[in-house]
Amino acid sequence: MKKHKAYKFRIYPNKEQEILIAKTIGCSRFIFNHFLAKREESYKATRKGLSYVSCSKESPSLKSVGLRSSAWWSTRQNGTGRPS
């Protein structure tokens, strides 16, 4: 029988790290919500959702379109969230 292990870690970020974590999570949330809305839109129109491939092809264009220009997390992303 396999036994699964889990580890819990508590982090204590400094102020600068807290800001960076908040920006990264905010960026990820924005991207998720953006594509969730697009998938719902597509499903309502065609009764077919969008694939991961079609969404991932569009994600780099979010930066050039300017969807993130007014967002509070848009500056100095650390690369873990998209767009960077």
PDB file of N, CA and C in Angstrom:
ATOM      1  N   MET A   1       0.845  -1.184   0.000  1.00  0.00           N
ATOM      2  CA  MET A   1       0.000   0.000   0.000  1.00  0.00           C
ATOM      3  C   MET A   1       0.888   1.243   0.000  1.00  0.00           C
ATOM      4  N   LYS A   2       0.547   2.193  -0.861  1.00  0.00           N
ATOM      5  CA  LYS A   2       1.300   3.435  -0.940  1.00  0.00           C
ATOM      6  C   LYS A   2       0.864   4.385   0.145  1.00  0.00           C
ATOM      7  N   LYS A   3       1.826   5.055   0.718  1.00  0.00           N
ATOM      8  CA  LYS A   3       1.522   6.056   1.730  1.00  0.00           C
ATOM      9  C   LYS A   3       1.927   7.427   1.188  1.00  0.00           C
ATOM     10  N   HIS A   4       1.002   8.359   1.226  1.00  0.00           N
ATOM     11  CA  HIS A   4       1.276   9.699   0.726  1.00  0.00           C
ATOM     12  C   HIS A   4       1.753  10.576   1.873  1.00  0.00           C
ATOM     13  N   LYS A   5       2.763  11.393   1.564  1.00  0.00           N
ATOM     14  CA  LYS A   5       3.292  12.321   2.555  1.00  0.00           C
ATOM     15  C   LYS A   5       2.959  13.746   2.130  1.00  0.00           C
ATOM     16  N   ALA A   6       2.843  14.582   3.108  1.00  0.00           N
ATOM     17  CA  ALA A   6       2.623  15.999   2.837  1.00  0.00           C
ATOM     18  C   ALA A   6       3.486  16.819   3.787  1.00  0.00           C
ATOM     19  N   TYR A   7       3.927  17.952   3.300  1.00  0.00           N
ATOM     20  CA  TYR A   7       4.719  18.863   4.111  1.00  0.00           C
ATOM     21  C   TYR A   7       4.050  20.227   4.105  1.00  0.00           C
ATOM     22  N   LYS A   8       4.062  20.878   5.226  1.00  0.00           N
ATOM     23  CA  LYS A   8       3.555  22.240   5.327  1.00  0.00           C
ATOM     24  C   LYS A   8       4.718  23.155   5.649  1.00  0.00           C
ATOM     25  N   PHE A   9       4.727  24.289   4.990  1.00  0.00           N
ATOM     26  CA  PHE A   9       5.764  25.277   5.233  1.00  0.00           C
ATOM     27  C   PHE A   9       5.122  26.608   5.536  1.00  0.00           C
ATOM     28  N   ARG A  10       5.677  27.327   6.438  1.00  0.00           N
ATOM     29  CA  ARG A  10       5.221  28.676   6.770  1.00  0.00           C
ATOM     30  C   ARG A  10       6.307  29.621   6.317  1.00  0.00           C
ATOM     31  N   ILE A  11       5.927  30.603   5.535  1.00  0.00           N
ATOM     32  CA  ILE A  11       6.915  31.575   5.088  1.00  0.00           C
ATOM     33  C   ILE A  11       6.687  32.893   5.818  1.00  0.00           C
ATOM     34  N   TYR A  12       7.739  33.624   5.987  1.00  0.00           N
ATOM     35  CA  TYR A  12       7.693  34.933   6.625  1.00  0.00           C
ATOM     36  C   TYR A  12       8.338  35.951   5.688  1.00  0.00           C
ATOM     37  N   PRO A  13       7.590  36.378   4.665  1.00  0.00           N
ATOM     38  CA  PRO A  13       8.180  37.314   3.708  1.00  0.00           C
ATOM     39  C   PRO A  13       8.323  38.713   4.304  1.00  0.00           C
ATOM     40  N   ASN A  14       9.343  39.415   3.825  1.00  0.00           N
ATOM     41  CA  ASN A  14       9.467  40.813   4.222  1.00  0.00           C
ATOM     42  C   ASN A  14       8.503  41.644   3.374  1.00  0.00           C
ATOM     43  N   LYS A  15       8.449  42.932   3.583  1.00  0.00           N
ATOM     44  CA  LYS A  15       7.469  43.794   2.910  1.00  0.00           C
ATOM     45  C   LYS A  15       7.612  43.743   1.384  1.00  0.00           C
ATOM     46  N   GLU A  16       8.836  43.788   0.910  1.00  0.00           N
ATOM     47  CA  GLU A  16       9.086  43.757  -0.531  1.00  0.00           C
ATOM     48  C   GLU A  16       8.602  42.435  -1.139  1.00  0.00           C
ATOM     49  N   GLN A  17       8.861  41.337  -0.450  1.00  0.00           N
ATOM     50  CA  GLN A  17       8.427  40.033  -0.928  1.00  0.00           C
ATOM     51  C   GLN A  17       6.902  39.905  -0.891  1.00  0.00           C
ATOM     52  N   GLU A  18       6.260  40.475   0.127  1.00  0.00           N
ATOM     53  CA  GLU A  18       4.795  40.459   0.201  1.00  0.00           C
ATOM     54  C   GLU A  18       4.179  41.156  -1.007  1.00  0.00           C
ATOM     55  N   ILE A  19       4.769  42.270  -1.385  1.00  0.00           N
ATOM     56  CA  ILE A  19       4.277  43.024  -2.536  1.00  0.00           C
ATOM     57  C   ILE A  19       4.439  42.206  -3.809  1.00  0.00           C
ATOM     58  N   LEU A  20       5.593  41.583  -3.965  1.00  0.00           N
ATOM     59  CA  LEU A  20       5.862  40.767  -5.140  1.00  0.00           C
ATOM     60  C   LEU A  20       4.915  39.566  -5.216  1.00  0.00           C
ATOM     61  N   ILE A  21       4.663  38.928  -4.091  1.00  0.00           N
ATOM     62  CA  ILE A  21       3.727  37.797  -4.045  1.00  0.00           C
ATOM     63  C   ILE A  21       2.325  38.267  -4.424  1.00  0.00           C
ATOM     64  N   ALA A  22       1.905  39.394  -3.903  1.00  0.00           N
ATOM     65  CA  ALA A  22       0.573  39.926  -4.213  1.00  0.00           C
ATOM     66  C   ALA A  22       0.451  40.264  -5.700  1.00  0.00           C
ATOM     67  N   LYS A  23       1.490  40.846  -6.279  1.00  0.00           N
ATOM     68  CA  LYS A  23       1.468  41.173  -7.704  1.00  0.00           C
ATOM     69  C   LYS A  23       1.405  39.911  -8.555  1.00  0.00           C
ATOM     70  N   THR A  24       2.164  38.900  -8.192  1.00  0.00           N
ATOM     71  CA  THR A  24       2.183  37.659  -8.947  1.00  0.00           C
ATOM     72  C   THR A  24       0.826  36.970  -8.893  1.00  0.00           C
ATOM     73  N   ILE A  25       0.235  36.912  -7.713  1.00  0.00           N
ATOM     74  CA  ILE A  25      -1.081  36.288  -7.564  1.00  0.00           C
ATOM     75  C   ILE A  25      -2.142  37.106  -8.295  1.00  0.00           C
ATOM     76  N   GLY A  26      -2.044  38.418  -8.237  1.00  0.00           N
ATOM     77  CA  GLY A  26      -2.982  39.277  -8.948  1.00  0.00           C
ATOM     78  C   GLY A  26      -2.901  39.082 -10.454  1.00  0.00           C
ATOM     79  N   CYS A  27      -1.697  38.946 -10.967  1.00  0.00           N
ATOM     80  CA  CYS A  27      -1.499  38.713 -12.393  1.00  0.00           C
ATOM     81  C   CYS A  27      -2.102  37.381 -12.800  1.00  0.00           C
ATOM     82  N   SER A  28      -1.849  36.350 -12.032  1.00  0.00           N
ATOM     83  CA  SER A  28      -2.396  35.026 -12.331  1.00  0.00           C
ATOM     84  C   SER A  28      -3.915  35.038 -12.279  1.00  0.00           C
ATOM     85  N   ARG A  29      -4.477  35.729 -11.310  1.00  0.00           N
ATOM     86  CA  ARG A  29      -5.930  35.829 -11.183  1.00  0.00           C
ATOM     87  C   ARG A  29      -6.526  36.548 -12.390  1.00  0.00           C
ATOM     88  N   PHE A  30      -5.879  37.621 -12.821  1.00  0.00           N
ATOM     89  CA  PHE A  30      -6.361  38.362 -13.984  1.00  0.00           C
ATOM     90  C   PHE A  30      -6.380  37.481 -15.224  1.00  0.00           C
ATOM     91  N   ILE A  31      -5.291  36.760 -15.469  1.00  0.00           N
ATOM     92  CA  ILE A  31      -5.199  35.895 -16.641  1.00  0.00           C
ATOM     93  C   ILE A  31      -6.260  34.796 -16.573  1.00  0.00           C
ATOM     94  N   PHE A  32      -6.410  34.171 -15.412  1.00  0.00           N
ATOM     95  CA  PHE A  32      -7.409  33.109 -15.264  1.00  0.00           C
ATOM     96  C   PHE A  32      -8.804  33.634 -15.555  1.00  0.00           C
ATOM     97  N   ASN A  33      -9.154  34.759 -14.950  1.00  0.00           N
ATOM     98  CA  ASN A  33     -10.491  35.323 -15.138  1.00  0.00           C
ATOM     99  C   ASN A  33     -10.733  35.776 -16.580  1.00  0.00           C
ATOM    100  N   HIS A  34      -9.693  36.303 -17.216  1.00  0.00           N
ATOM    101  CA  HIS A  34      -9.804  36.734 -18.608  1.00  0.00           C
ATOM    102  C   HIS A  34     -10.164  35.552 -19.503  1.00  0.00           C
ATOM    103  N   PHE A  35      -9.425  34.452 -19.361  1.00  0.00           N
ATOM    104  CA  PHE A  35      -9.679  33.304 -20.217  1.00  0.00           C
ATOM    105  C   PHE A  35     -10.926  32.529 -19.799  1.00  0.00           C
ATOM    106  N   LEU A  36     -11.308  32.584 -18.558  1.00  0.00           N
ATOM    107  CA  LEU A  36     -12.574  31.988 -18.133  1.00  0.00           C
ATOM    108  C   LEU A  36     -13.742  32.697 -18.825  1.00  0.00           C
ATOM    109  N   ALA A  37     -13.681  34.015 -18.867  1.00  0.00           N
ATOM    110  CA  ALA A  37     -14.722  34.790 -19.542  1.00  0.00           C
ATOM    111  C   ALA A  37     -14.751  34.473 -21.037  1.00  0.00           C
ATOM    112  N   LYS A  38     -13.578  34.348 -21.652  1.00  0.00           N
ATOM    113  CA  LYS A  38     -13.517  34.021 -23.081  1.00  0.00           C
ATOM    114  C   LYS A  38     -14.068  32.632 -23.354  1.00  0.00           C
ATOM    115  N   ARG A  39     -13.770  31.682 -22.459  1.00  0.00           N
ATOM    116  CA  ARG A  39     -14.296  30.318 -22.633  1.00  0.00           C
ATOM    117  C   ARG A  39     -15.818  30.312 -22.512  1.00  0.00           C
ATOM    118  N   GLU A  40     -16.336  31.024 -21.530  1.00  0.00           N
ATOM    119  CA  GLU A  40     -17.797  31.101 -21.359  1.00  0.00           C
ATOM    120  C   GLU A  40     -18.456  31.754 -22.571  1.00  0.00           C
ATOM    121  N   GLU A  41     -17.835  32.819 -23.067  1.00  0.00           N
ATOM    122  CA  GLU A  41     -18.327  33.523 -24.247  1.00  0.00           C
ATOM    123  C   GLU A  41     -18.376  32.586 -25.454  1.00  0.00           C
ATOM    124  N   SER A  42     -17.292  31.859 -25.647  1.00  0.00           N
ATOM    125  CA  SER A  42     -17.192  30.934 -26.763  1.00  0.00           C
ATOM    126  C   SER A  42     -18.214  29.815 -26.642  1.00  0.00           C
ATOM    127  N   TYR A  43     -18.414  29.329 -25.440  1.00  0.00           N
ATOM    128  CA  TYR A  43     -19.369  28.238 -25.240  1.00  0.00           C
ATOM    129  C   TYR A  43     -20.797  28.698 -25.503  1.00  0.00           C
ATOM    130  N   LYS A  44     -21.116  29.896 -25.065  1.00  0.00           N
ATOM    131  CA  LYS A  44     -22.462  30.423 -25.308  1.00  0.00           C
ATOM    132  C   LYS A  44     -22.723  30.618 -26.798  1.00  0.00           C
ATOM    133  N   ALA A  45     -21.691  31.046 -27.531  1.00  0.00           N
ATOM    134  CA  ALA A  45     -21.853  31.324 -28.959  1.00  0.00           C
ATOM    135  C   ALA A  45     -21.860  30.055 -29.807  1.00  0.00           C
ATOM    136  N   THR A  46     -20.970  29.115 -29.514  1.00  0.00           N
ATOM    137  CA  THR A  46     -20.787  27.960 -30.396  1.00  0.00           C
ATOM    138  C   THR A  46     -21.075  26.614 -29.741  1.00  0.00           C
ATOM    139  N   ARG A  47     -21.361  26.605 -28.463  1.00  0.00           N
ATOM    140  CA  ARG A  47     -21.541  25.371 -27.687  1.00  0.00           C
ATOM    141  C   ARG A  47     -20.271  24.524 -27.672  1.00  0.00           C
ATOM    142  N   LYS A  48     -19.133  25.168 -27.918  1.00  0.00           N
ATOM    143  CA  LYS A  48     -17.832  24.518 -27.793  1.00  0.00           C
ATOM    144  C   LYS A  48     -16.923  25.478 -27.036  1.00  0.00           C
ATOM    145  N   GLY A  49     -16.150  24.947 -26.131  1.00  0.00           N
ATOM    146  CA  GLY A  49     -15.231  25.779 -25.368  1.00  0.00           C
ATOM    147  C   GLY A  49     -13.933  26.000 -26.114  1.00  0.00           C
ATOM    148  N   LEU A  50     -13.054  26.763 -25.519  1.00  0.00           N
ATOM    149  CA  LEU A  50     -11.738  26.992 -26.088  1.00  0.00           C
ATOM    150  C   LEU A  50     -10.769  25.958 -25.537  1.00  0.00           C
ATOM    151  N   SER A  51      -9.808  25.582 -26.346  1.00  0.00           N
ATOM    152  CA  SER A  51      -8.802  24.629 -25.891  1.00  0.00           C
ATOM    153  C   SER A  51      -7.673  25.365 -25.170  1.00  0.00           C
ATOM    154  N   TYR A  52      -6.869  24.606 -24.466  1.00  0.00           N
ATOM    155  CA  TYR A  52      -5.706  25.185 -23.804  1.00  0.00           C
ATOM    156  C   TYR A  52      -4.771  25.795 -24.829  1.00  0.00           C
ATOM    157  N   VAL A  53      -4.604  25.123 -25.955  1.00  0.00           N
ATOM    158  CA  VAL A  53      -3.679  25.594 -26.989  1.00  0.00           C
ATOM    159  C   VAL A  53      -4.106  26.957 -27.514  1.00  0.00           C
ATOM    160  N   SER A  54      -5.389  27.128 -27.783  1.00  0.00           N
ATOM    161  CA  SER A  54      -5.844  28.419 -28.308  1.00  0.00           C
ATOM    162  C   SER A  54      -5.667  29.534 -27.275  1.00  0.00           C
ATOM    163  N   CYS A  55      -5.876  29.206 -26.012  1.00  0.00           N
ATOM    164  CA  CYS A  55      -5.679  30.214 -24.957  1.00  0.00           C
ATOM    165  C   CYS A  55      -4.201  30.548 -24.786  1.00  0.00           C
ATOM    166  N   SER A  56      -3.342  29.545 -24.836  1.00  0.00           N
ATOM    167  CA  SER A  56      -1.919  29.809 -24.632  1.00  0.00           C
ATOM    168  C   SER A  56      -1.314  30.569 -25.809  1.00  0.00           C
ATOM    169  N   LYS A  57      -1.869  30.392 -27.004  1.00  0.00           N
ATOM    170  CA  LYS A  57      -1.396  31.161 -28.153  1.00  0.00           C
ATOM    171  C   LYS A  57      -1.761  32.640 -28.003  1.00  0.00           C
ATOM    172  N   GLU A  58      -2.878  32.912 -27.372  1.00  0.00           N
ATOM    173  CA  GLU A  58      -3.339  34.284 -27.223  1.00  0.00           C
ATOM    174  C   GLU A  58      -2.690  35.014 -26.050  1.00  0.00           C
ATOM    175  N   SER A  59      -2.217  34.295 -25.055  1.00  0.00           N
ATOM    176  CA  SER A  59      -1.731  34.946 -23.841  1.00  0.00           C
ATOM    177  C   SER A  59      -0.578  35.931 -24.065  1.00  0.00           C
ATOM    178  N   PRO A  60       0.393  35.667 -24.970  1.00  0.00           N
ATOM    179  CA  PRO A  60       1.423  36.699 -25.185  1.00  0.00           C
ATOM    180  C   PRO A  60       0.871  37.987 -25.784  1.00  0.00           C
ATOM    181  N   SER A  61      -0.234  37.896 -26.505  1.00  0.00           N
ATOM    182  CA  SER A  61      -0.801  39.096 -27.121  1.00  0.00           C
ATOM    183  C   SER A  61      -1.473  40.010 -26.109  1.00  0.00           C
ATOM    184  N   LEU A  62      -1.748  39.519 -24.908  1.00  0.00           N
ATOM    185  CA  LEU A  62      -2.360  40.374 -23.890  1.00  0.00           C
ATOM    186  C   LEU A  62      -1.474  41.567 -23.574  1.00  0.00           C
ATOM    187  N   LYS A  63      -0.191  41.359 -23.599  1.00  0.00           N
ATOM    188  CA  LYS A  63       0.755  42.432 -23.301  1.00  0.00           C
ATOM    189  C   LYS A  63       0.708  43.505 -24.379  1.00  0.00           C
ATOM    190  N   SER A  64       0.704  43.093 -25.637  1.00  0.00           N
ATOM    191  CA  SER A  64       0.735  44.065 -26.724  1.00  0.00           C
ATOM    192  C   SER A  64      -0.609  44.767 -26.916  1.00  0.00           C
ATOM    193  N   VAL A  65      -1.693  44.110 -26.589  1.00  0.00           N
ATOM    194  CA  VAL A  65      -3.021  44.714 -26.729  1.00  0.00           C
ATOM    195  C   VAL A  65      -3.219  45.823 -25.710  1.00  0.00           C
ATOM    196  N   GLY A  66      -2.546  45.696 -24.573  1.00  0.00           N
ATOM    197  CA  GLY A  66      -2.651  46.728 -23.562  1.00  0.00           C
ATOM    198  C   GLY A  66      -3.666  46.421 -22.490  1.00  0.00           C
ATOM    199  N   LEU A  67      -4.078  45.164 -22.385  1.00  0.00           N
ATOM    200  CA  LEU A  67      -5.041  44.817 -21.349  1.00  0.00           C
ATOM    201  C   LEU A  67      -4.466  44.999 -19.957  1.00  0.00           C
ATOM    202  N   ARG A  68      -3.170  44.939 -19.852  1.00  0.00           N
ATOM    203  CA  ARG A  68      -2.571  45.029 -18.532  1.00  0.00           C
ATOM    204  C   ARG A  68      -2.026  46.412 -18.207  1.00  0.00           C
ATOM    205  N   SER A  69      -2.136  47.354 -19.113  1.00  0.00           N
ATOM    206  CA  SER A  69      -1.516  48.653 -18.910  1.00  0.00           C
ATOM    207  C   SER A  69      -2.090  49.410 -17.716  1.00  0.00           C
ATOM    208  N   SER A  70      -3.349  49.203 -17.409  1.00  0.00           N
ATOM    209  CA  SER A  70      -3.940  49.936 -16.295  1.00  0.00           C
ATOM    210  C   SER A  70      -3.992  49.107 -15.018  1.00  0.00           C
ATOM    211  N   ALA A  71      -3.496  47.888 -15.061  1.00  0.00           N
ATOM    212  CA  ALA A  71      -3.559  47.014 -13.890  1.00  0.00           C
ATOM    213  C   ALA A  71      -2.484  47.385 -12.880  1.00  0.00           C
ATOM    214  N   TRP A  72      -2.796  47.233 -11.624  1.00  0.00           N
ATOM    215  CA  TRP A  72      -1.872  47.626 -10.545  1.00  0.00           C
ATOM    216  C   TRP A  72      -0.650  46.731 -10.472  1.00  0.00           C
ATOM    217  N   TRP A  73      -0.734  45.524 -11.003  1.00  0.00           N
ATOM    218  CA  TRP A  73       0.381  44.590 -10.906  1.00  0.00           C
ATOM    219  C   TRP A  73       1.214  44.576 -12.163  1.00  0.00           C
ATOM    220  N   SER A  74       0.957  45.489 -13.090  1.00  0.00           N
ATOM    221  CA  SER A  74       1.555  45.390 -14.415  1.00  0.00           C
ATOM    222  C   SER A  74       3.045  45.692 -14.462  1.00  0.00           C
ATOM    223  N   THR A  75       3.602  46.317 -13.463  1.00  0.00           N
ATOM    224  CA  THR A  75       5.019  46.663 -13.537  1.00  0.00           C
ATOM    225  C   THR A  75       5.872  45.670 -12.783  1.00  0.00           C
ATOM    226  N   ARG A  76       6.991  45.368 -13.340  1.00  0.00           N
ATOM    227  CA  ARG A  76       8.031  44.540 -12.700  1.00  0.00           C
ATOM    228  C   ARG A  76       7.542  43.169 -12.253  1.00  0.00           C
ATOM    229  N   GLN A  77       6.929  42.425 -13.147  1.00  0.00           N
ATOM    230  CA  GLN A  77       6.563  41.054 -12.811  1.00  0.00           C
ATOM    231  C   GLN A  77       7.830  40.219 -12.738  1.00  0.00           C
ATOM    232  N   ASN A  78       7.823  39.228 -11.884  1.00  0.00           N
ATOM    233  CA  ASN A  78       9.033  38.428 -11.698  1.00  0.00           C
ATOM    234  C   ASN A  78       9.101  37.243 -12.635  1.00  0.00           C
ATOM    235  N   GLY A  79       8.178  37.104 -13.569  1.00  0.00           N
ATOM    236  CA  GLY A  79       8.251  36.036 -14.547  1.00  0.00           C
ATOM    237  C   GLY A  79       7.408  34.830 -14.211  1.00  0.00           C
ATOM    238  N   THR A  80       6.899  34.715 -12.993  1.00  0.00           N
ATOM    239  CA  THR A  80       6.106  33.538 -12.665  1.00  0.00           C
ATOM    240  C   THR A  80       4.677  33.684 -13.126  1.00  0.00           C
ATOM    241  N   GLY A  81       4.172  34.905 -13.172  1.00  0.00           N
ATOM    242  CA  GLY A  81       2.824  35.143 -13.666  1.00  0.00           C
ATOM    243  C   GLY A  81       2.908  35.677 -15.073  1.00  0.00           C
ATOM    244  N   ARG A  82       1.798  35.547 -15.800  1.00  0.00           N
ATOM    245  CA  ARG A  82       1.802  36.105 -17.131  1.00  0.00           C
ATOM    246  C   ARG A  82       0.854  37.281 -17.146  1.00  0.00           C
ATOM    247  N   PRO A  83       1.030  38.284 -17.862  1.00  0.00           N
ATOM    248  CA  PRO A  83       2.132  38.643 -18.706  1.00  0.00           C
ATOM    249  C   PRO A  83       3.295  39.221 -17.933  1.00  0.00           C
ATOM    250  N   SER A  84       4.455  39.153 -18.506  1.00  0.00           N
ATOM    251  CA  SER A  84       5.632  39.667 -17.793  1.00  0.00           C
ATOM    252  C   SER A  84       6.269  40.812 -18.534  1.00  0.00           C
TER     253      SER A  84
END
